[in-house]
């Protein structure tokens, strides 16, 4: 399935108009307990690009939620979506989008949906995986030889569950021939805008994002907010610990708690950090939190007190003390003035 069956490119508007249909048509397969925001962001870009203003008529873009049973599909938040069409022939769509969700549900899209995806691949219909949709496509045997974008949050889980495919977790989406995957969340909107720009036009893609209060379209290589490059390591134990730290930036765990969550001992984890990164887990965790605080200071207008809480500090004074020790300036000084590039490991 690794062959590039069809190049992703814009269809001629004249051809689209001649056949009397939209320039871009998308069929959705929703996994059980799918991520609602990933689906909503993607489909709303299509909706807003499809018509003038916010009238939502599917003129330039068309979309449908597909099912073999037509039963409502519950999202991870409990909100259910009613499918609008039977599976049928996948070739009637330009793309089939699989919306994943909770990891424990990824094997359970059902055999009929799996066969539908396999028929789509055989017919040359490009497949899109949102959130953990890449997991679902890989389980169906449809990602062999392709790169797949996964959230940094799921990187370790992907490595544990799958062989033969290297996950990309340092950019927001990946276009690899006729497989397109993204990390989910807001990146779903940017992937949808990428497709709208190719098939419908840049103006329609920009309009959709602006109505959704998203300033500009981001390209695939835009990095996910993730582990600073200076902390990359091949040690699987340290990588898992770093990912766990990132997942708990706002509510830091102790080193003992991190080790326990990984089924390891505190001393063993500390030895691995020292060997892999020449630092302690405490210093690495503090560095991650301070690097994220610096990013928020430079890229957002959030109050310093809010940033302190989001980065796991007691208050703005606590953040200020640690920030000054690391960067030799205060959080207020860092506003709008990028700091020199440096490692994320803080001085203890």
C-alpha atoms as a PDB file:
ATOM      1  CA  UNK A   1       0.000   0.000   0.000  1.00  0.00           C
ATOM      2  CA  UNK A   2       3.039   2.291   0.043  1.00  0.00           C
ATOM      3  CA  UNK A   3       2.709   3.229  -3.655  1.00  0.00           C
ATOM      4  CA  UNK A   4       1.724   6.826  -4.311  1.00  0.00           C
ATOM      5  CA  UNK A   5      -1.481   6.187  -6.223  1.00  0.00           C
ATOM      6  CA  UNK A   6      -2.626   9.733  -6.844  1.00  0.00           C
ATOM      7  CA  UNK A   7      -0.854  13.030  -6.520  1.00  0.00           C
ATOM      8  CA  UNK A   8      -2.584  15.501  -4.224  1.00  0.00           C
ATOM      9  CA  UNK A   9      -3.376  18.549  -6.308  1.00  0.00           C
ATOM     10  CA  UNK A  10      -6.134  20.984  -7.231  1.00  0.00           C
ATOM     11  CA  UNK A  11      -8.867  19.847  -9.558  1.00  0.00           C
ATOM     12  CA  UNK A  12      -9.734  22.221 -12.357  1.00  0.00           C
ATOM     13  CA  UNK A  13     -12.739  24.405 -11.436  1.00  0.00           C
ATOM     14  CA  UNK A  14     -14.016  23.908 -14.978  1.00  0.00           C
ATOM     15  CA  UNK A  15     -14.102  20.142 -14.487  1.00  0.00           C
ATOM     16  CA  UNK A  16     -15.790  20.518 -11.114  1.00  0.00           C
ATOM     17  CA  UNK A  17     -18.390  22.846 -12.576  1.00  0.00           C
ATOM     18  CA  UNK A  18     -18.982  20.546 -15.536  1.00  0.00           C
ATOM     19  CA  UNK A  19     -19.851  17.628 -13.319  1.00  0.00           C
ATOM     20  CA  UNK A  20     -22.193  19.824 -11.307  1.00  0.00           C
ATOM     21  CA  UNK A  21     -20.679  19.019  -7.931  1.00  0.00           C
ATOM     22  CA  UNK A  22     -18.385  20.629  -5.387  1.00  0.00           C
ATOM     23  CA  UNK A  23     -14.700  21.160  -6.094  1.00  0.00           C
ATOM     24  CA  UNK A  24     -13.832  19.323  -2.872  1.00  0.00           C
ATOM     25  CA  UNK A  25     -15.855  16.439  -1.423  1.00  0.00           C
ATOM     26  CA  UNK A  26     -15.014  14.651   1.818  1.00  0.00           C
ATOM     27  CA  UNK A  27     -16.412  11.560   3.493  1.00  0.00           C
ATOM     28  CA  UNK A  28     -15.897  11.151   7.248  1.00  0.00           C
ATOM     29  CA  UNK A  29     -15.486   7.939   9.220  1.00  0.00           C
ATOM     30  CA  UNK A  30     -15.869   8.612  12.948  1.00  0.00           C
ATOM     31  CA  UNK A  31     -14.225   6.205  15.356  1.00  0.00           C
ATOM     32  CA  UNK A  32     -16.058   5.301  18.510  1.00  0.00           C
ATOM     33  CA  UNK A  33     -15.354   8.059  21.080  1.00  0.00           C
ATOM     34  CA  UNK A  34     -13.721  10.251  18.434  1.00  0.00           C
ATOM     35  CA  UNK A  35     -12.269  13.657  19.273  1.00  0.00           C
ATOM     36  CA  UNK A  36     -15.022  16.182  18.660  1.00  0.00           C
ATOM     37  CA  UNK A  37     -12.776  19.248  18.279  1.00  0.00           C
ATOM     38  CA  UNK A  38     -10.677  17.598  15.553  1.00  0.00           C
ATOM     39  CA  UNK A  39     -13.812  16.749  13.560  1.00  0.00           C
ATOM     40  CA  UNK A  40     -15.481  20.114  14.187  1.00  0.00           C
ATOM     41  CA  UNK A  41     -12.412  22.144  13.214  1.00  0.00           C
ATOM     42  CA  UNK A  42     -11.985  20.224   9.965  1.00  0.00           C
ATOM     43  CA  UNK A  43     -15.614  20.240   8.888  1.00  0.00           C
ATOM     44  CA  UNK A  44     -16.133  23.906   9.794  1.00  0.00           C
ATOM     45  CA  UNK A  45     -13.304  24.958   7.481  1.00  0.00           C
ATOM     46  CA  UNK A  46     -15.108  23.092   4.691  1.00  0.00           C
ATOM     47  CA  UNK A  47     -18.457  24.614   5.670  1.00  0.00           C
ATOM     48  CA  UNK A  48     -17.181  28.186   5.729  1.00  0.00           C
ATOM     49  CA  UNK A  49     -15.278  27.767   2.456  1.00  0.00           C
ATOM     50  CA  UNK A  50     -18.236  26.196   0.678  1.00  0.00           C
ATOM     51  CA  UNK A  51     -20.497  29.235   0.484  1.00  0.00           C
ATOM     52  CA  UNK A  52     -20.620  33.015   0.701  1.00  0.00           C
ATOM     53  CA  UNK A  53     -20.431  34.492   4.183  1.00  0.00           C
ATOM     54  CA  UNK A  54     -21.637  32.039   6.809  1.00  0.00           C
ATOM     55  CA  UNK A  55     -24.585  30.559   4.910  1.00  0.00           C
ATOM     56  CA  UNK A  56     -23.291  26.962   5.103  1.00  0.00           C
ATOM     57  CA  UNK A  57     -24.626  25.742   1.756  1.00  0.00           C
ATOM     58  CA  UNK A  58     -22.393  22.897   0.425  1.00  0.00           C
ATOM     59  CA  UNK A  59     -21.667  24.512  -2.936  1.00  0.00           C
ATOM     60  CA  UNK A  60     -17.881  24.624  -3.348  1.00  0.00           C
ATOM     61  CA  UNK A  61     -17.256  21.884  -0.776  1.00  0.00           C
ATOM     62  CA  UNK A  62     -19.325  18.841   0.122  1.00  0.00           C
ATOM     63  CA  UNK A  63     -19.056  16.524   3.115  1.00  0.00           C
ATOM     64  CA  UNK A  64     -20.889  13.643   4.720  1.00  0.00           C
ATOM     65  CA  UNK A  65     -20.492  11.472   7.813  1.00  0.00           C
ATOM     66  CA  UNK A  66     -20.546   7.843   6.684  1.00  0.00           C
ATOM     67  CA  UNK A  67     -21.639   4.686   8.475  1.00  0.00           C
ATOM     68  CA  UNK A  68     -22.550   1.082   7.844  1.00  0.00           C
ATOM     69  CA  UNK A  69     -25.228   1.039  10.566  1.00  0.00           C
ATOM     70  CA  UNK A  70     -26.352   4.700  10.583  1.00  0.00           C
ATOM     71  CA  UNK A  71     -26.310   4.611  14.393  1.00  0.00           C
ATOM     72  CA  UNK A  72     -25.187   7.824  16.165  1.00  0.00           C
ATOM     73  CA  UNK A  73     -21.472   7.860  17.012  1.00  0.00           C
ATOM     74  CA  UNK A  74     -20.553   9.122  20.472  1.00  0.00           C
ATOM     75  CA  UNK A  75     -17.512  11.371  20.785  1.00  0.00           C
ATOM     76  CA  UNK A  76     -15.048  11.262  23.681  1.00  0.00           C
ATOM     77  CA  UNK A  77     -16.984  14.151  25.232  1.00  0.00           C
ATOM     78  CA  UNK A  78     -20.265  12.223  25.055  1.00  0.00           C
ATOM     79  CA  UNK A  79     -21.744  14.373  22.273  1.00  0.00           C
ATOM     80  CA  UNK A  80     -23.084  12.085  19.539  1.00  0.00           C
ATOM     81  CA  UNK A  81     -23.054  12.735  15.784  1.00  0.00           C
ATOM     82  CA  UNK A  82     -25.680  11.238  13.482  1.00  0.00           C
ATOM     83  CA  UNK A  83     -24.215   9.841  10.224  1.00  0.00           C
ATOM     84  CA  UNK A  84     -25.754  11.187   7.065  1.00  0.00           C
ATOM     85  CA  UNK A  85     -24.973   8.510   4.474  1.00  0.00           C
ATOM     86  CA  UNK A  86     -24.165   4.835   3.995  1.00  0.00           C
ATOM     87  CA  UNK A  87     -20.606   3.786   3.202  1.00  0.00           C
ATOM     88  CA  UNK A  88     -21.219   2.975  -0.466  1.00  0.00           C
ATOM     89  CA  UNK A  89     -18.565   3.682  -3.090  1.00  0.00           C
ATOM     90  CA  UNK A  90     -15.551   5.543  -1.638  1.00  0.00           C
ATOM     91  CA  UNK A  91     -14.577   6.832  -5.092  1.00  0.00           C
ATOM     92  CA  UNK A  92     -17.419   9.359  -4.986  1.00  0.00           C
ATOM     93  CA  UNK A  93     -15.292  11.409  -2.574  1.00  0.00           C
ATOM     94  CA  UNK A  94     -12.030  13.246  -3.114  1.00  0.00           C
ATOM     95  CA  UNK A  95     -10.843  12.298   0.386  1.00  0.00           C
ATOM     96  CA  UNK A  96     -11.885   9.913   3.124  1.00  0.00           C
ATOM     97  CA  UNK A  97     -11.143  11.361   6.578  1.00  0.00           C
ATOM     98  CA  UNK A  98     -10.844   9.079   9.607  1.00  0.00           C
ATOM     99  CA  UNK A  99     -11.353  10.883  12.917  1.00  0.00           C
ATOM    100  CA  UNK A 100      -9.741   9.025  15.807  1.00  0.00           C
ATOM    101  CA  UNK A 101     -10.091   9.561  19.504  1.00  0.00           C
ATOM    102  CA  UNK A 102      -9.299   7.679  22.696  1.00  0.00           C
ATOM    103  CA  UNK A 103      -6.443   5.253  22.211  1.00  0.00           C
ATOM    104  CA  UNK A 104      -8.215   2.269  23.711  1.00  0.00           C
ATOM    105  CA  UNK A 105     -10.960   2.631  21.085  1.00  0.00           C
ATOM    106  CA  UNK A 106      -8.706   2.681  18.002  1.00  0.00           C
ATOM    107  CA  UNK A 107      -9.184  -0.987  17.040  1.00  0.00           C
ATOM    108  CA  UNK A 108     -12.969  -0.629  17.043  1.00  0.00           C
ATOM    109  CA  UNK A 109     -14.150   1.150  13.906  1.00  0.00           C
ATOM    110  CA  UNK A 110     -15.758  -2.086  12.773  1.00  0.00           C
ATOM    111  CA  UNK A 111     -14.898  -4.477   9.949  1.00  0.00           C
ATOM    112  CA  UNK A 112     -17.228  -2.796   7.432  1.00  0.00           C
ATOM    113  CA  UNK A 113     -15.471   0.554   7.897  1.00  0.00           C
ATOM    114  CA  UNK A 114     -12.063  -1.118   7.684  1.00  0.00           C
ATOM    115  CA  UNK A 115     -13.025  -2.765   4.375  1.00  0.00           C
ATOM    116  CA  UNK A 116     -14.356   0.578   3.137  1.00  0.00           C
ATOM    117  CA  UNK A 117     -11.003   2.236   3.866  1.00  0.00           C
ATOM    118  CA  UNK A 118      -9.164  -0.566   2.092  1.00  0.00           C
ATOM    119  CA  UNK A 119     -11.415  -0.169  -0.954  1.00  0.00           C
ATOM    120  CA  UNK A 120     -10.773   3.567  -0.901  1.00  0.00           C
ATOM    121  CA  UNK A 121      -7.021   2.989  -0.888  1.00  0.00           C
ATOM    122  CA  UNK A 122      -7.295   0.494  -3.737  1.00  0.00           C
ATOM    123  CA  UNK A 123      -9.332   3.035  -5.730  1.00  0.00           C
ATOM    124  CA  UNK A 124      -6.682   5.721  -5.205  1.00  0.00           C
ATOM    125  CA  UNK A 125      -8.781   7.890  -2.892  1.00  0.00           C
ATOM    126  CA  UNK A 126      -6.421   9.782  -0.535  1.00  0.00           C
ATOM    127  CA  UNK A 127      -6.893   8.917   3.128  1.00  0.00           C
ATOM    128  CA  UNK A 128      -6.699  11.435   5.950  1.00  0.00           C
ATOM    129  CA  UNK A 129      -6.131  10.614   9.618  1.00  0.00           C
ATOM    130  CA  UNK A 130      -7.095  13.177  12.272  1.00  0.00           C
ATOM    131  CA  UNK A 131      -5.906  12.855  15.864  1.00  0.00           C
ATOM    132  CA  UNK A 132      -5.393   9.096  16.375  1.00  0.00           C
ATOM    133  CA  UNK A 133      -6.788   8.441  12.897  1.00  0.00           C
ATOM    134  CA  UNK A 134      -3.228   7.517  11.887  1.00  0.00           C
ATOM    135  CA  UNK A 135      -3.421   4.638  14.389  1.00  0.00           C
ATOM    136  CA  UNK A 136      -6.634   3.395  12.768  1.00  0.00           C
ATOM    137  CA  UNK A 137      -5.208   3.609   9.249  1.00  0.00           C
ATOM    138  CA  UNK A 138      -2.085   1.781  10.364  1.00  0.00           C
ATOM    139  CA  UNK A 139      -4.113  -0.997  12.005  1.00  0.00           C
ATOM    140  CA  UNK A 140      -5.980  -1.388   8.703  1.00  0.00           C
ATOM    141  CA  UNK A 141      -2.643  -1.943   6.935  1.00  0.00           C
ATOM    142  CA  UNK A 142      -2.880   1.342   5.032  1.00  0.00           C
ATOM    143  CA  UNK A 143       0.162   3.268   6.320  1.00  0.00           C
ATOM    144  CA  UNK A 144       2.981   0.907   5.398  1.00  0.00           C
ATOM    145  CA  UNK A 145       5.764   2.948   3.826  1.00  0.00           C
ATOM    146  CA  UNK A 146       4.188   6.277   4.792  1.00  0.00           C
ATOM    147  CA  UNK A 147       5.120   8.835   7.403  1.00  0.00           C
ATOM    148  CA  UNK A 148       2.407   9.579   9.948  1.00  0.00           C
ATOM    149  CA  UNK A 149       1.869  12.675  12.069  1.00  0.00           C
ATOM    150  CA  UNK A 150       0.852  11.962  15.640  1.00  0.00           C
ATOM    151  CA  UNK A 151       0.483  14.236  18.628  1.00  0.00           C
ATOM    152  CA  UNK A 152       3.497  14.450  20.915  1.00  0.00           C
ATOM    153  CA  UNK A 153       0.995  13.354  23.571  1.00  0.00           C
ATOM    154  CA  UNK A 154       0.577   9.978  21.807  1.00  0.00           C
ATOM    155  CA  UNK A 155       4.126   9.511  20.508  1.00  0.00           C
ATOM    156  CA  UNK A 156       5.195   6.930  23.094  1.00  0.00           C
ATOM    157  CA  UNK A 157       1.921   5.002  22.718  1.00  0.00           C
ATOM    158  CA  UNK A 158       2.407   4.827  18.961  1.00  0.00           C
ATOM    159  CA  UNK A 159       5.952   3.482  19.357  1.00  0.00           C
ATOM    160  CA  UNK A 160       4.709   0.836  21.783  1.00  0.00           C
ATOM    161  CA  UNK A 161       1.805  -0.334  19.597  1.00  0.00           C
ATOM    162  CA  UNK A 162       3.203  -0.271  16.066  1.00  0.00           C
ATOM    163  CA  UNK A 163       6.254  -1.434  14.160  1.00  0.00           C
ATOM    164  CA  UNK A 164       7.381  -0.375  10.725  1.00  0.00           C
ATOM    165  CA  UNK A 165       6.253   3.237  10.833  1.00  0.00           C
ATOM    166  CA  UNK A 166       8.090   6.195  12.354  1.00  0.00           C
ATOM    167  CA  UNK A 167       5.670   8.718  13.858  1.00  0.00           C
ATOM    168  CA  UNK A 168       6.291  12.414  13.215  1.00  0.00           C
ATOM    169  CA  UNK A 169       5.463  14.409  16.331  1.00  0.00           C
ATOM    170  CA  UNK A 170       7.392  17.617  15.697  1.00  0.00           C
ATOM    171  CA  UNK A 171       5.066  19.174  13.092  1.00  0.00           C
ATOM    172  CA  UNK A 172       1.336  19.824  12.942  1.00  0.00           C
ATOM    173  CA  UNK A 173       0.500  17.712   9.890  1.00  0.00           C
ATOM    174  CA  UNK A 174       2.184  15.532   7.293  1.00  0.00           C
ATOM    175  CA  UNK A 175       1.317  15.164   3.614  1.00  0.00           C
ATOM    176  CA  UNK A 176       2.956  12.017   2.244  1.00  0.00           C
ATOM    177  CA  UNK A 177       1.564  11.237  -1.183  1.00  0.00           C
ATOM    178  CA  UNK A 178      -2.026  10.081  -0.758  1.00  0.00           C
ATOM    179  CA  UNK A 179      -1.843   9.848   3.032  1.00  0.00           C
ATOM    180  CA  UNK A 180      -2.426  12.972   5.087  1.00  0.00           C
ATOM    181  CA  UNK A 181      -2.266  12.890   8.865  1.00  0.00           C
ATOM    182  CA  UNK A 182      -2.393  15.507  11.599  1.00  0.00           C
ATOM    183  CA  UNK A 183      -2.063  15.784  15.346  1.00  0.00           C
ATOM    184  CA  UNK A 184      -5.692  16.818  15.868  1.00  0.00           C
ATOM    185  CA  UNK A 185      -7.060  19.848  17.677  1.00  0.00           C
ATOM    186  CA  UNK A 186      -6.356  23.130  15.924  1.00  0.00           C
ATOM    187  CA  UNK A 187      -4.059  21.412  13.426  1.00  0.00           C
ATOM    188  CA  UNK A 188      -7.171  19.813  11.879  1.00  0.00           C
ATOM    189  CA  UNK A 189      -8.308  23.266  10.774  1.00  0.00           C
ATOM    190  CA  UNK A 190      -4.934  23.945   9.170  1.00  0.00           C
ATOM    191  CA  UNK A 191      -4.958  20.627   7.302  1.00  0.00           C
ATOM    192  CA  UNK A 192      -8.488  21.324   6.061  1.00  0.00           C
ATOM    193  CA  UNK A 193      -7.413  24.821   4.960  1.00  0.00           C
ATOM    194  CA  UNK A 194      -4.480  23.256   3.097  1.00  0.00           C
ATOM    195  CA  UNK A 195      -6.918  21.094   1.105  1.00  0.00           C
ATOM    196  CA  UNK A 196      -9.366  23.952   0.535  1.00  0.00           C
ATOM    197  CA  UNK A 197      -6.540  26.110  -0.815  1.00  0.00           C
ATOM    198  CA  UNK A 198      -5.496  23.366  -3.253  1.00  0.00           C
ATOM    199  CA  UNK A 199      -8.961  22.520  -4.528  1.00  0.00           C
ATOM    200  CA  UNK A 200     -11.047  25.656  -4.057  1.00  0.00           C
ATOM    201  CA  UNK A 201      -8.708  28.606  -3.591  1.00  0.00           C
ATOM    202  CA  UNK A 202      -6.546  30.510  -1.148  1.00  0.00           C
ATOM    203  CA  UNK A 203      -9.183  33.183  -0.557  1.00  0.00           C
ATOM    204  CA  UNK A 204     -11.739  30.609   0.607  1.00  0.00           C
ATOM    205  CA  UNK A 205      -9.195  28.918   2.884  1.00  0.00           C
ATOM    206  CA  UNK A 206      -8.211  32.238   4.466  1.00  0.00           C
ATOM    207  CA  UNK A 207     -11.842  33.274   4.886  1.00  0.00           C
ATOM    208  CA  UNK A 208     -12.643  30.082   6.774  1.00  0.00           C
ATOM    209  CA  UNK A 209      -9.749  30.492   9.181  1.00  0.00           C
ATOM    210  CA  UNK A 210     -10.435  34.184   9.789  1.00  0.00           C
ATOM    211  CA  UNK A 211     -14.088  33.515  10.626  1.00  0.00           C
ATOM    212  CA  UNK A 212     -12.865  30.864  13.066  1.00  0.00           C
ATOM    213  CA  UNK A 213     -10.587  33.517  14.670  1.00  0.00           C
ATOM    214  CA  UNK A 214      -7.445  31.808  13.370  1.00  0.00           C
ATOM    215  CA  UNK A 215      -5.031  34.425  12.064  1.00  0.00           C
ATOM    216  CA  UNK A 216      -3.190  32.612   9.285  1.00  0.00           C
ATOM    217  CA  UNK A 217      -2.891  29.183   7.733  1.00  0.00           C
ATOM    218  CA  UNK A 218       0.058  27.218   9.076  1.00  0.00           C
ATOM    219  CA  UNK A 219       2.133  25.027   6.796  1.00  0.00           C
ATOM    220  CA  UNK A 220       2.694  21.332   7.554  1.00  0.00           C
ATOM    221  CA  UNK A 221       6.189  21.854   8.943  1.00  0.00           C
ATOM    222  CA  UNK A 222       5.008  24.187  11.702  1.00  0.00           C
ATOM    223  CA  UNK A 223       6.247  22.470  14.881  1.00  0.00           C
ATOM    224  CA  UNK A 224       3.903  21.133  17.493  1.00  0.00           C
ATOM    225  CA  UNK A 225       4.404  22.573  20.946  1.00  0.00           C
ATOM    226  CA  UNK A 226       6.536  19.745  22.248  1.00  0.00           C
ATOM    227  CA  UNK A 227       9.789  18.696  23.803  1.00  0.00           C
ATOM    228  CA  UNK A 228      12.598  21.184  23.094  1.00  0.00           C
ATOM    229  CA  UNK A 229      15.059  19.777  20.574  1.00  0.00           C
ATOM    230  CA  UNK A 230      17.874  19.960  23.129  1.00  0.00           C
ATOM    231  CA  UNK A 231      16.158  17.289  25.182  1.00  0.00           C
ATOM    232  CA  UNK A 232      15.839  14.683  22.456  1.00  0.00           C
ATOM    233  CA  UNK A 233      17.275  11.306  23.326  1.00  0.00           C
ATOM    234  CA  UNK A 234      17.181   7.722  22.086  1.00  0.00           C
ATOM    235  CA  UNK A 235      16.749   6.369  25.608  1.00  0.00           C
ATOM    236  CA  UNK A 236      13.146   5.036  25.616  1.00  0.00           C
ATOM    237  CA  UNK A 237      12.746   5.444  29.373  1.00  0.00           C
ATOM    238  CA  UNK A 238      13.851   9.079  29.294  1.00  0.00           C
ATOM    239  CA  UNK A 239      11.688   9.811  26.239  1.00  0.00           C
ATOM    240  CA  UNK A 240       8.620   8.409  27.972  1.00  0.00           C
ATOM    241  CA  UNK A 241       9.389  10.412  31.101  1.00  0.00           C
ATOM    242  CA  UNK A 242       9.805  13.624  29.077  1.00  0.00           C
ATOM    243  CA  UNK A 243       6.495  13.055  27.311  1.00  0.00           C
ATOM    244  CA  UNK A 244       4.806  12.429  30.643  1.00  0.00           C
ATOM    245  CA  UNK A 245       6.294  15.677  31.935  1.00  0.00           C
ATOM    246  CA  UNK A 246       4.893  17.564  28.958  1.00  0.00           C
ATOM    247  CA  UNK A 247       1.476  16.114  29.589  1.00  0.00           C
ATOM    248  CA  UNK A 248       1.596  17.444  33.155  1.00  0.00           C
ATOM    249  CA  UNK A 249       3.156  20.892  32.721  1.00  0.00           C
ATOM    250  CA  UNK A 250       0.303  22.566  34.589  1.00  0.00           C
ATOM    251  CA  UNK A 251       0.315  20.049  37.454  1.00  0.00           C
ATOM    252  CA  UNK A 252       3.894  18.782  37.843  1.00  0.00           C
ATOM    253  CA  UNK A 253       4.517  15.315  39.186  1.00  0.00           C
ATOM    254  CA  UNK A 254       7.364  14.476  41.501  1.00  0.00           C
ATOM    255  CA  UNK A 255      10.179  12.305  40.165  1.00  0.00           C
ATOM    256  CA  UNK A 256       8.928   9.453  42.333  1.00  0.00           C
ATOM    257  CA  UNK A 257       5.424   9.798  40.844  1.00  0.00           C
ATOM    258  CA  UNK A 258       6.807   9.828  37.295  1.00  0.00           C
ATOM    259  CA  UNK A 259       8.893   6.737  37.989  1.00  0.00           C
ATOM    260  CA  UNK A 260       5.914   4.972  39.549  1.00  0.00           C
ATOM    261  CA  UNK A 261       3.693   5.799  36.552  1.00  0.00           C
ATOM    262  CA  UNK A 262       6.324   4.195  34.320  1.00  0.00           C
ATOM    263  CA  UNK A 263       6.719   1.117  36.486  1.00  0.00           C
ATOM    264  CA  UNK A 264      10.258   2.080  37.418  1.00  0.00           C
ATOM    265  CA  UNK A 265      12.183   3.182  40.483  1.00  0.00           C
ATOM    266  CA  UNK A 266      13.211   6.778  41.223  1.00  0.00           C
ATOM    267  CA  UNK A 267      16.941   6.010  41.384  1.00  0.00           C
ATOM    268  CA  UNK A 268      16.844   4.074  38.116  1.00  0.00           C
ATOM    269  CA  UNK A 269      15.066   6.926  36.343  1.00  0.00           C
ATOM    270  CA  UNK A 270      17.616   9.420  37.677  1.00  0.00           C
ATOM    271  CA  UNK A 271      20.499   7.253  36.409  1.00  0.00           C
ATOM    272  CA  UNK A 272      18.957   7.121  32.935  1.00  0.00           C
ATOM    273  CA  UNK A 273      18.521  10.925  32.854  1.00  0.00           C
ATOM    274  CA  UNK A 274      22.097  11.472  33.943  1.00  0.00           C
ATOM    275  CA  UNK A 275      23.427   9.086  31.292  1.00  0.00           C
ATOM    276  CA  UNK A 276      21.191  10.348  28.475  1.00  0.00           C
ATOM    277  CA  UNK A 277      20.997  14.104  29.145  1.00  0.00           C
ATOM    278  CA  UNK A 278      23.611  14.766  31.826  1.00  0.00           C
ATOM    279  CA  UNK A 279      20.975  16.283  34.068  1.00  0.00           C
ATOM    280  CA  UNK A 280      18.399  15.253  36.634  1.00  0.00           C
ATOM    281  CA  UNK A 281      14.691  14.641  35.992  1.00  0.00           C
ATOM    282  CA  UNK A 282      13.889  17.602  38.284  1.00  0.00           C
ATOM    283  CA  UNK A 283      16.051  19.985  36.253  1.00  0.00           C
ATOM    284  CA  UNK A 284      14.707  18.673  32.940  1.00  0.00           C
ATOM    285  CA  UNK A 285      11.103  19.117  34.100  1.00  0.00           C
ATOM    286  CA  UNK A 286      11.783  22.641  35.337  1.00  0.00           C
ATOM    287  CA  UNK A 287      13.477  23.454  32.031  1.00  0.00           C
ATOM    288  CA  UNK A 288      10.470  22.238  30.043  1.00  0.00           C
ATOM    289  CA  UNK A 289       8.106  24.355  32.142  1.00  0.00           C
ATOM    290  CA  UNK A 290      10.292  27.454  31.872  1.00  0.00           C
ATOM    291  CA  UNK A 291      10.736  27.010  28.117  1.00  0.00           C
ATOM    292  CA  UNK A 292       6.958  26.766  27.739  1.00  0.00           C
ATOM    293  CA  UNK A 293       6.508  29.855  29.917  1.00  0.00           C
ATOM    294  CA  UNK A 294       8.967  31.743  27.720  1.00  0.00           C
ATOM    295  CA  UNK A 295       7.045  30.650  24.614  1.00  0.00           C
ATOM    296  CA  UNK A 296       3.762  31.915  26.090  1.00  0.00           C
ATOM    297  CA  UNK A 297       5.363  35.201  27.114  1.00  0.00           C
ATOM    298  CA  UNK A 298       6.734  35.798  23.618  1.00  0.00           C
ATOM    299  CA  UNK A 299       3.808  34.468  21.579  1.00  0.00           C
ATOM    300  CA  UNK A 300       0.694  35.428  23.585  1.00  0.00           C
ATOM    301  CA  UNK A 301      -0.789  38.302  25.566  1.00  0.00           C
ATOM    302  CA  UNK A 302      -1.761  36.121  28.514  1.00  0.00           C
ATOM    303  CA  UNK A 303      -1.208  37.686  31.940  1.00  0.00           C
ATOM    304  CA  UNK A 304       1.961  36.523  33.649  1.00  0.00           C
ATOM    305  CA  UNK A 305      -0.121  35.194  36.554  1.00  0.00           C
ATOM    306  CA  UNK A 306      -2.062  32.991  34.118  1.00  0.00           C
ATOM    307  CA  UNK A 307       1.123  31.744  32.461  1.00  0.00           C
ATOM    308  CA  UNK A 308       2.539  30.906  35.886  1.00  0.00           C
ATOM    309  CA  UNK A 309      -0.445  28.681  36.676  1.00  0.00           C
ATOM    310  CA  UNK A 310      -0.453  27.048  33.221  1.00  0.00           C
ATOM    311  CA  UNK A 311       3.224  26.172  33.633  1.00  0.00           C
ATOM    312  CA  UNK A 312       2.855  24.673  37.103  1.00  0.00           C
ATOM    313  CA  UNK A 313       4.232  27.501  39.258  1.00  0.00           C
ATOM    314  CA  UNK A 314       2.603  28.588  42.510  1.00  0.00           C
ATOM    315  CA  UNK A 315       2.186  32.196  41.388  1.00  0.00           C
ATOM    316  CA  UNK A 316       3.823  34.913  39.287  1.00  0.00           C
ATOM    317  CA  UNK A 317       6.473  35.543  41.968  1.00  0.00           C
ATOM    318  CA  UNK A 318       7.533  31.902  41.898  1.00  0.00           C
ATOM    319  CA  UNK A 319       7.715  31.981  38.093  1.00  0.00           C
ATOM    320  CA  UNK A 320       9.683  35.242  38.219  1.00  0.00           C
ATOM    321  CA  UNK A 321      12.319  33.837  40.555  1.00  0.00           C
ATOM    322  CA  UNK A 322      12.886  30.700  38.523  1.00  0.00           C
ATOM    323  CA  UNK A 323      12.706  32.560  35.206  1.00  0.00           C
ATOM    324  CA  UNK A 324      15.334  35.091  36.290  1.00  0.00           C
ATOM    325  CA  UNK A 325      17.627  32.321  37.513  1.00  0.00           C
ATOM    326  CA  UNK A 326      17.351  30.557  34.139  1.00  0.00           C
ATOM    327  CA  UNK A 327      17.293  33.434  31.664  1.00  0.00           C
ATOM    328  CA  UNK A 328      18.858  36.319  33.635  1.00  0.00           C
ATOM    329  CA  UNK A 329      15.816  38.503  33.076  1.00  0.00           C
ATOM    330  CA  UNK A 330      12.269  38.776  34.336  1.00  0.00           C
ATOM    331  CA  UNK A 331       9.136  37.505  32.574  1.00  0.00           C
ATOM    332  CA  UNK A 332       8.154  41.140  31.976  1.00  0.00           C
ATOM    333  CA  UNK A 333      11.475  41.768  30.228  1.00  0.00           C
ATOM    334  CA  UNK A 334      10.856  38.745  27.991  1.00  0.00           C
ATOM    335  CA  UNK A 335       7.611  40.111  26.556  1.00  0.00           C
ATOM    336  CA  UNK A 336       8.049  40.478  22.797  1.00  0.00           C
ATOM    337  CA  UNK A 337      11.833  40.045  22.964  1.00  0.00           C
ATOM    338  CA  UNK A 338      12.850  36.506  21.988  1.00  0.00           C
ATOM    339  CA  UNK A 339      15.571  35.061  24.152  1.00  0.00           C
ATOM    340  CA  UNK A 340      18.723  33.609  22.580  1.00  0.00           C
ATOM    341  CA  UNK A 341      18.382  29.960  21.637  1.00  0.00           C
ATOM    342  CA  UNK A 342      19.520  27.709  24.427  1.00  0.00           C
ATOM    343  CA  UNK A 343      18.819  24.382  26.091  1.00  0.00           C
ATOM    344  CA  UNK A 344      15.719  23.748  28.114  1.00  0.00           C
ATOM    345  CA  UNK A 345      17.483  22.287  31.137  1.00  0.00           C
ATOM    346  CA  UNK A 346      17.205  24.707  34.011  1.00  0.00           C
ATOM    347  CA  UNK A 347      19.845  25.241  36.646  1.00  0.00           C
ATOM    348  CA  UNK A 348      18.642  23.560  39.821  1.00  0.00           C
END
